[in-house]
Protein backbone atom coordinates (compact mmCIF):
# COMPACT_ATOMS: atom_id res chain seq x y z
CA MET A 1 96.79 67.50 14.23
CA SER A 2 95.27 69.02 17.47
CA LYS A 3 92.82 72.03 17.21
CA THR A 4 94.43 75.56 17.99
CA TYR A 5 91.19 77.20 18.80
CA GLU A 6 87.93 76.86 20.51
CA ILE A 7 84.86 78.61 19.43
CA LEU A 8 82.65 79.99 22.42
CA GLU A 9 78.96 78.91 22.88
CA GLY A 10 76.76 80.80 20.47
CA GLY A 11 79.54 81.59 18.25
CA THR A 12 80.38 84.84 19.87
CA GLY A 13 84.18 84.56 20.39
CA ILE A 14 87.08 82.34 19.70
CA VAL A 15 89.81 81.39 22.15
CA CYS A 16 93.24 80.83 20.85
CA LEU A 17 94.75 77.68 22.60
CA VAL A 18 98.42 78.39 21.43
CA CYS A 19 98.39 81.68 23.49
CA GLY A 20 95.09 81.71 25.40
CA MET A 21 93.99 84.86 24.07
CA PRO A 22 89.96 85.37 23.52
CA SER A 23 88.60 87.46 20.60
CA TYR A 24 85.06 88.45 20.47
CA ASN A 25 85.54 90.17 16.92
CA PRO A 26 82.65 88.62 14.42
CA GLU A 27 85.54 88.69 11.80
CA ASP A 28 88.30 86.86 13.62
CA VAL A 29 85.51 84.26 14.50
CA ARG A 30 84.58 83.77 10.81
CA ARG A 31 88.02 83.70 9.68
CA ARG A 32 89.50 81.96 12.55
CA PHE A 33 92.12 84.46 13.32
CA CYS A 34 94.09 85.26 16.52
CA GLY A 35 95.16 88.75 16.74
CA HIS A 36 97.69 88.16 19.50
CA CYS A 37 99.41 85.60 17.21
CA ARG A 38 98.66 87.39 14.24
CA ALA A 39 98.09 83.98 12.29
CA PHE A 40 95.16 82.24 11.03
CA HIS A 41 94.48 78.97 12.87
CA ASP A 42 94.42 77.11 9.68
CA ASP A 43 97.76 78.02 8.95
CA LEU A 44 98.85 77.06 12.69
CA GLU A 45 97.26 73.75 12.37
CA LYS A 46 99.41 72.89 9.32
CA GLN A 47 102.52 73.95 10.86
CA GLN A 48 101.91 71.56 14.05
CA PRO A 49 103.74 68.35 14.04
CA ALA A 50 101.66 65.21 13.75
CA THR A 51 103.14 63.66 16.83
CA PRO A 52 103.52 65.73 20.06
CA GLU A 53 106.42 63.62 21.28
CA LEU A 54 108.41 65.48 18.51
CA GLU A 55 108.17 68.99 20.23
CA GLN A 56 109.33 67.88 23.47
CA ALA A 57 113.04 68.03 24.04
CA PRO A 58 114.44 64.69 25.93
CA PRO A 59 115.30 65.57 29.16
CA GLU A 60 118.86 66.77 29.87
CA GLU A 61 121.15 64.48 31.59
CA ASP A 62 123.53 65.69 34.37
CA LYS A 63 126.33 67.31 32.39
CA PRO A 64 129.62 68.94 33.69
CA VAL A 65 129.25 72.69 33.51
CA LYS A 66 131.83 74.38 31.46
CA LYS A 67 133.85 77.04 33.29
CA LYS A 68 134.35 80.30 31.74
CA LYS A 69 137.77 81.30 30.54
CA GLU A 70 139.32 84.05 32.14
CA SER A 71 140.18 87.00 30.45
CA VAL A 72 144.07 87.53 29.54
CA LEU A 73 143.53 91.22 28.76
CA PRO A 74 144.36 93.69 31.78
CA PRO A 75 141.51 95.19 33.55
CA PRO A 76 140.09 98.52 31.99
CA ALA A 77 141.80 101.70 33.02
CA ARG A 78 139.79 104.03 35.11
CA SER A 79 138.55 107.32 33.36
CA ILE A 80 139.69 110.72 34.35
CA ALA A 81 136.46 111.43 36.32
CA ALA A 82 136.76 108.39 38.13
CA ARG A 83 140.48 109.29 39.21
CA PHE A 84 139.29 112.60 40.50
CA GLY A 85 136.15 111.13 42.11
CA ARG A 86 133.71 113.15 39.86
CA LYS A 87 130.72 111.67 38.47
CA SER A 88 131.45 113.13 35.18
CA MET A 89 133.69 115.65 33.86
CA SER A 90 131.14 117.86 32.57
CA MET A 91 129.61 118.58 36.05
CA GLY A 92 132.44 121.20 36.85
CA ARG A 93 133.02 122.78 33.58
CA HIS A 94 129.38 124.00 33.33
CA PHE A 95 129.57 126.51 35.93
CA THR A 96 133.13 127.83 35.45
CA ARG A 97 132.84 128.51 31.65
CA ARG A 98 132.65 132.19 30.76
CA ARG A 99 130.94 133.95 28.10
CA LEU A 100 133.15 135.75 25.88
CA TYR A 101 131.21 139.00 24.66
């Protein structure tokens, strides 16, 4: 297991080696806590695998790319607003609406 944190000189801060964020809060240093990861470094070290080779995925070989299947459905119908060249149907109605007293 490798260390997931580094204490700065004089114990004034802690740097998380997982996310790279430093913290100068004395409670974070004392408890070895990363506010960005929201985790304690003791817990992070337990979660790490013993061998780093298991973390890395094997390199992918050249695989043939699958083509997307074309849809058998017809294209969507145009809206009424698109048929008449308007951006939306509500544009014209707002100004033509009369108030009934």
